[in-house]
Amino acid sequence: MNIQSHLDNLIRKHKSLDKEIKRIETTAFTSEARLYELKKRKLQVKDEIADFSKRSGSR
């Protein structure tokens, strides 16, 4: 997988995590632990995106 493909994949994961977080936040019986884990993973993916963007000089 080249850098651009990997970056595109990370961006898709980030968007997917964002949608899942928003869905969970609107649920009456929200698991705080699950929400915390999703937000943590979303930040990790965001950091990966920033790292790959710096290395590839894109986005």
C-alpha atoms as a PDB file:
ATOM      1  CA  MET A   1       0.000   0.000   0.000  1.00  0.00           C
ATOM      2  CA  ASN A   2       1.437   3.361  -0.955  1.00  0.00           C
ATOM      3  CA  ILE A   3       1.386   6.394   1.318  1.00  0.00           C
ATOM      4  CA  GLN A   4      -1.576   8.079  -0.404  1.00  0.00           C
ATOM      5  CA  SER A   5      -3.685   4.914  -0.184  1.00  0.00           C
ATOM      6  CA  HIS A   6      -2.814   4.540   3.473  1.00  0.00           C
ATOM      7  CA  LEU A   7      -3.655   8.192   4.115  1.00  0.00           C
ATOM      8  CA  ASP A   8      -7.003   7.817   2.313  1.00  0.00           C
ATOM      9  CA  ASN A   9      -7.741   4.740   4.427  1.00  0.00           C
ATOM     10  CA  LEU A  10      -6.952   6.636   7.635  1.00  0.00           C
ATOM     11  CA  ILE A  11      -9.236   9.490   6.595  1.00  0.00           C
ATOM     12  CA  ARG A  12     -12.070   7.016   5.964  1.00  0.00           C
ATOM     13  CA  LYS A  13     -11.490   5.457   9.400  1.00  0.00           C
ATOM     14  CA  HIS A  14     -11.530   8.908  11.020  1.00  0.00           C
ATOM     15  CA  LYS A  15     -14.846   9.793   9.364  1.00  0.00           C
ATOM     16  CA  SER A  16     -16.312   6.433  10.317  1.00  0.00           C
ATOM     17  CA  LEU A  17     -15.262   6.859  13.951  1.00  0.00           C
ATOM     18  CA  ASP A  18     -16.758  10.350  13.963  1.00  0.00           C
ATOM     19  CA  LYS A  19     -20.097   9.002  12.725  1.00  0.00           C
ATOM     20  CA  GLU A  20     -20.072   6.209  15.314  1.00  0.00           C
ATOM     21  CA  ILE A  21     -19.284   8.664  18.126  1.00  0.00           C
ATOM     22  CA  LYS A  22     -22.142  10.941  17.068  1.00  0.00           C
ATOM     23  CA  ARG A  23     -24.511   7.963  16.878  1.00  0.00           C
ATOM     24  CA  ILE A  24     -23.535   6.742  20.341  1.00  0.00           C
ATOM     25  CA  GLU A  25     -23.808  10.210  21.865  1.00  0.00           C
ATOM     26  CA  THR A  26     -27.457  10.390  20.792  1.00  0.00           C
ATOM     27  CA  THR A  27     -28.294   6.978  22.267  1.00  0.00           C
ATOM     28  CA  ALA A  28     -30.105   6.989  25.594  1.00  0.00           C
ATOM     29  CA  PHE A  29     -27.997   4.170  27.043  1.00  0.00           C
ATOM     30  CA  THR A  30     -24.510   5.283  26.111  1.00  0.00           C
ATOM     31  CA  SER A  31     -21.540   3.303  27.329  1.00  0.00           C
ATOM     32  CA  GLU A  32     -19.092   5.917  28.574  1.00  0.00           C
ATOM     33  CA  ALA A  33     -16.234   3.432  28.289  1.00  0.00           C
ATOM     34  CA  ARG A  34     -17.094   2.673  24.639  1.00  0.00           C
ATOM     35  CA  LEU A  35     -17.409   6.374  23.863  1.00  0.00           C
ATOM     36  CA  TYR A  36     -14.039   7.070  25.499  1.00  0.00           C
ATOM     37  CA  GLU A  37     -12.361   4.311  23.480  1.00  0.00           C
ATOM     38  CA  LEU A  38     -13.835   5.584  20.207  1.00  0.00           C
ATOM     39  CA  LYS A  39     -12.737   9.147  20.908  1.00  0.00           C
ATOM     40  CA  LYS A  40      -9.263   7.938  21.860  1.00  0.00           C
ATOM     41  CA  ARG A  41      -8.998   5.906  18.645  1.00  0.00           C
ATOM     42  CA  LYS A  42     -10.250   8.863  16.605  1.00  0.00           C
ATOM     43  CA  LEU A  43      -7.468  11.051  18.044  1.00  0.00           C
ATOM     44  CA  GLN A  44      -4.890   8.345  17.287  1.00  0.00           C
ATOM     45  CA  VAL A  45      -6.074   8.164  13.684  1.00  0.00           C
ATOM     46  CA  LYS A  46      -5.986  11.971  13.446  1.00  0.00           C
ATOM     47  CA  ASP A  47      -2.362  11.920  14.651  1.00  0.00           C
ATOM     48  CA  GLU A  48      -1.503   9.242  12.082  1.00  0.00           C
ATOM     49  CA  ILE A  49      -3.110  11.354   9.353  1.00  0.00           C
ATOM     50  CA  ALA A  50      -1.034  14.365  10.405  1.00  0.00           C
ATOM     51  CA  ASP A  51       2.172  12.277  10.437  1.00  0.00           C
ATOM     52  CA  PHE A  52       1.524  10.813   6.984  1.00  0.00           C
ATOM     53  CA  SER A  53       0.526  14.198   5.596  1.00  0.00           C
ATOM     54  CA  LYS A  54       3.796  15.720   6.802  1.00  0.00           C
ATOM     55  CA  ARG A  55       5.835  12.882   5.303  1.00  0.00           C
ATOM     56  CA  SER A  56       4.041  12.859   1.982  1.00  0.00           C
ATOM     57  CA  GLY A  57       3.575  16.622   1.732  1.00  0.00           C
ATOM     58  CA  SER A  58      -0.116  16.199   0.887  1.00  0.00           C
ATOM     59  CA  ARG A  59      -3.446  17.412   2.261  1.00  0.00           C
END
